[in-house]
Amino acid sequence: MLLLLLSPVFSGWCYILAKKAGLKSTPWLVAGALVGPIALPLFHNHKRLALRKALGHGLVWFRP
């Protein structure tokens, strides 16, 4: 029951995060609505892989 009540919140949250990251937002809107908070780790992994694909595998993109 609680998952059904929080479903619109997580779908909106995933949509906003996808827009900020420059990813396609509609699939993340649907994923957030269907699986709720489980979509967040999937989103962060997808964002990391998209960044790695864009920059290349041998490039260091974080320097402390």
N, C-alpha and C. Protein backbone atom coordinates (compact mmCIF):
# COMPACT_ATOMS: atom_id res chain seq x y z
N MET A 1 0.82 -1.19 0.00
CA MET A 1 0.00 0.00 0.00
C MET A 1 0.88 1.27 0.00
N LEU A 2 1.91 1.23 0.82
CA LEU A 2 2.79 2.39 0.89
C LEU A 2 3.53 2.61 -0.42
N LEU A 3 3.89 1.52 -1.09
CA LEU A 3 4.57 1.63 -2.38
C LEU A 3 3.68 2.30 -3.42
N LEU A 4 2.38 2.00 -3.38
CA LEU A 4 1.45 2.63 -4.31
C LEU A 4 1.29 4.12 -4.03
N LEU A 5 1.37 4.50 -2.77
CA LEU A 5 1.26 5.92 -2.43
C LEU A 5 2.51 6.71 -2.80
N LEU A 6 3.66 6.08 -2.70
CA LEU A 6 4.92 6.76 -2.98
C LEU A 6 5.35 6.65 -4.44
N SER A 7 4.63 5.89 -5.23
CA SER A 7 4.99 5.69 -6.63
C SER A 7 5.08 7.00 -7.42
N PRO A 8 4.12 7.93 -7.31
CA PRO A 8 4.27 9.20 -8.04
C PRO A 8 5.47 10.03 -7.59
N VAL A 9 5.81 9.93 -6.32
CA VAL A 9 6.96 10.69 -5.81
C VAL A 9 8.25 10.18 -6.45
N PHE A 10 8.43 8.85 -6.48
CA PHE A 10 9.65 8.29 -7.04
C PHE A 10 9.71 8.45 -8.55
N SER A 11 8.56 8.41 -9.22
CA SER A 11 8.59 8.61 -10.66
C SER A 11 8.99 10.05 -11.00
N GLY A 12 8.49 11.00 -10.25
CA GLY A 12 8.88 12.39 -10.46
C GLY A 12 10.34 12.64 -10.12
N TRP A 13 10.80 12.00 -9.06
CA TRP A 13 12.19 12.17 -8.63
C TRP A 13 13.14 11.58 -9.68
N CYS A 14 12.83 10.39 -10.20
CA CYS A 14 13.67 9.80 -11.24
C CYS A 14 13.64 10.64 -12.51
N TYR A 15 12.49 11.22 -12.82
CA TYR A 15 12.37 12.08 -14.00
C TYR A 15 13.27 13.30 -13.88
N ILE A 16 13.26 13.94 -12.73
CA ILE A 16 14.08 15.13 -12.51
C ILE A 16 15.57 14.78 -12.54
N LEU A 17 15.95 13.67 -11.90
CA LEU A 17 17.35 13.25 -11.91
C LEU A 17 17.83 12.93 -13.32
N ALA A 18 16.96 12.30 -14.13
CA ALA A 18 17.35 11.97 -15.51
C ALA A 18 17.50 13.24 -16.34
N LYS A 19 16.63 14.22 -16.14
CA LYS A 19 16.76 15.49 -16.86
C LYS A 19 18.06 16.19 -16.50
N LYS A 20 18.41 16.19 -15.21
CA LYS A 20 19.65 16.83 -14.77
C LYS A 20 20.88 16.13 -15.34
N ALA A 21 20.82 14.79 -15.46
CA ALA A 21 21.96 14.03 -15.93
C ALA A 21 22.07 14.00 -17.45
N GLY A 22 21.04 14.48 -18.15
CA GLY A 22 21.07 14.48 -19.61
C GLY A 22 20.71 13.14 -20.21
N LEU A 23 20.00 12.31 -19.47
CA LEU A 23 19.56 11.01 -19.97
C LEU A 23 18.12 11.11 -20.46
N LYS A 24 17.67 10.07 -21.16
CA LYS A 24 16.27 10.03 -21.57
C LYS A 24 15.40 9.91 -20.32
N SER A 25 14.46 10.82 -20.18
CA SER A 25 13.72 10.90 -18.93
C SER A 25 12.47 10.03 -18.89
N THR A 26 11.87 9.74 -20.04
CA THR A 26 10.62 8.97 -20.03
C THR A 26 10.81 7.55 -19.51
N PRO A 27 11.86 6.81 -19.92
CA PRO A 27 12.02 5.47 -19.33
C PRO A 27 12.25 5.49 -17.83
N TRP A 28 12.91 6.52 -17.33
CA TRP A 28 13.14 6.61 -15.90
C TRP A 28 11.88 7.03 -15.15
N LEU A 29 11.01 7.77 -15.80
CA LEU A 29 9.71 8.10 -15.21
C LEU A 29 8.90 6.82 -15.02
N VAL A 30 8.88 5.97 -16.03
CA VAL A 30 8.14 4.71 -15.96
C VAL A 30 8.78 3.76 -14.94
N ALA A 31 10.10 3.69 -14.95
CA ALA A 31 10.79 2.80 -14.01
C ALA A 31 10.57 3.24 -12.57
N GLY A 32 10.58 4.53 -12.33
CA GLY A 32 10.32 5.03 -10.98
C GLY A 32 8.90 4.75 -10.54
N ALA A 33 7.96 4.79 -11.46
CA ALA A 33 6.57 4.50 -11.12
C ALA A 33 6.36 3.01 -10.86
N LEU A 34 7.06 2.16 -11.59
CA LEU A 34 6.84 0.72 -11.45
C LEU A 34 7.55 0.11 -10.25
N VAL A 35 8.80 0.46 -10.06
CA VAL A 35 9.58 -0.22 -9.01
C VAL A 35 9.91 0.67 -7.83
N GLY A 36 9.63 1.94 -7.91
CA GLY A 36 9.83 2.85 -6.78
C GLY A 36 11.29 3.08 -6.45
N PRO A 37 11.66 2.93 -5.17
CA PRO A 37 13.02 3.26 -4.75
C PRO A 37 14.08 2.31 -5.28
N ILE A 38 13.68 1.17 -5.81
CA ILE A 38 14.65 0.24 -6.39
C ILE A 38 15.26 0.81 -7.66
N ALA A 39 14.58 1.77 -8.29
CA ALA A 39 15.08 2.36 -9.53
C ALA A 39 16.26 3.29 -9.30
N LEU A 40 16.44 3.79 -8.09
CA LEU A 40 17.53 4.74 -7.84
C LEU A 40 18.92 4.13 -8.00
N PRO A 41 19.22 2.96 -7.43
CA PRO A 41 20.53 2.36 -7.71
C PRO A 41 20.72 2.02 -9.19
N LEU A 42 19.66 1.60 -9.84
CA LEU A 42 19.75 1.33 -11.27
C LEU A 42 20.04 2.60 -12.05
N PHE A 43 19.43 3.70 -11.64
CA PHE A 43 19.66 4.97 -12.30
C PHE A 43 21.10 5.43 -12.14
N HIS A 44 21.62 5.34 -10.93
CA HIS A 44 22.99 5.80 -10.70
C HIS A 44 24.00 4.94 -11.47
N ASN A 45 23.74 3.65 -11.56
CA ASN A 45 24.62 2.78 -12.34
C ASN A 45 24.54 3.12 -13.82
N HIS A 46 23.34 3.38 -14.33
CA HIS A 46 23.18 3.73 -15.74
C HIS A 46 23.86 5.07 -16.04
N LYS A 47 23.75 6.02 -15.13
CA LYS A 47 24.39 7.32 -15.32
C LYS A 47 25.91 7.18 -15.36
N ARG A 48 26.44 6.35 -14.47
CA ARG A 48 27.89 6.13 -14.44
C ARG A 48 28.37 5.46 -15.72
N LEU A 49 27.62 4.47 -16.20
CA LEU A 49 28.01 3.79 -17.43
C LEU A 49 27.90 4.70 -18.66
N ALA A 50 26.89 5.56 -18.68
CA ALA A 50 26.76 6.51 -19.80
C ALA A 50 27.91 7.51 -19.80
N LEU A 51 28.31 7.96 -18.63
CA LEU A 51 29.45 8.88 -18.54
C LEU A 51 30.73 8.20 -18.98
N ARG A 52 30.89 6.96 -18.56
CA ARG A 52 32.09 6.22 -18.95
C ARG A 52 32.13 5.96 -20.45
N LYS A 53 30.96 5.70 -21.04
CA LYS A 53 30.89 5.48 -22.47
C LYS A 53 31.20 6.76 -23.24
N ALA A 54 30.74 7.90 -22.72
CA ALA A 54 30.97 9.17 -23.39
C ALA A 54 32.43 9.61 -23.30
N LEU A 55 33.08 9.35 -22.16
CA LEU A 55 34.44 9.82 -21.96
C LEU A 55 35.50 8.81 -22.40
N GLY A 56 35.14 7.56 -22.44
CA GLY A 56 36.11 6.53 -22.78
C GLY A 56 36.56 5.78 -21.53
N HIS A 57 37.08 4.60 -21.73
CA HIS A 57 37.43 3.76 -20.59
C HIS A 57 38.79 4.09 -20.00
N GLY A 58 39.67 4.68 -20.77
CA GLY A 58 41.01 4.93 -20.27
C GLY A 58 41.19 6.31 -19.66
N LEU A 59 40.17 7.13 -19.69
CA LEU A 59 40.27 8.50 -19.22
C LEU A 59 39.95 8.60 -17.73
N VAL A 60 40.77 9.32 -17.00
CA VAL A 60 40.49 9.57 -15.59
C VAL A 60 39.68 10.85 -15.50
N TRP A 61 38.46 10.77 -14.97
CA TRP A 61 37.59 11.95 -14.95
C TRP A 61 37.41 12.49 -13.55
N PHE A 62 38.08 11.90 -12.55
CA PHE A 62 38.00 12.43 -11.19
C PHE A 62 39.41 12.57 -10.66
N ARG A 63 39.77 13.79 -10.32
CA ARG A 63 41.07 14.02 -9.72
C ARG A 63 40.87 14.79 -8.43
N PRO A 64 41.21 14.20 -7.30
CA PRO A 64 40.98 14.89 -6.01
C PRO A 64 41.88 16.09 -5.81
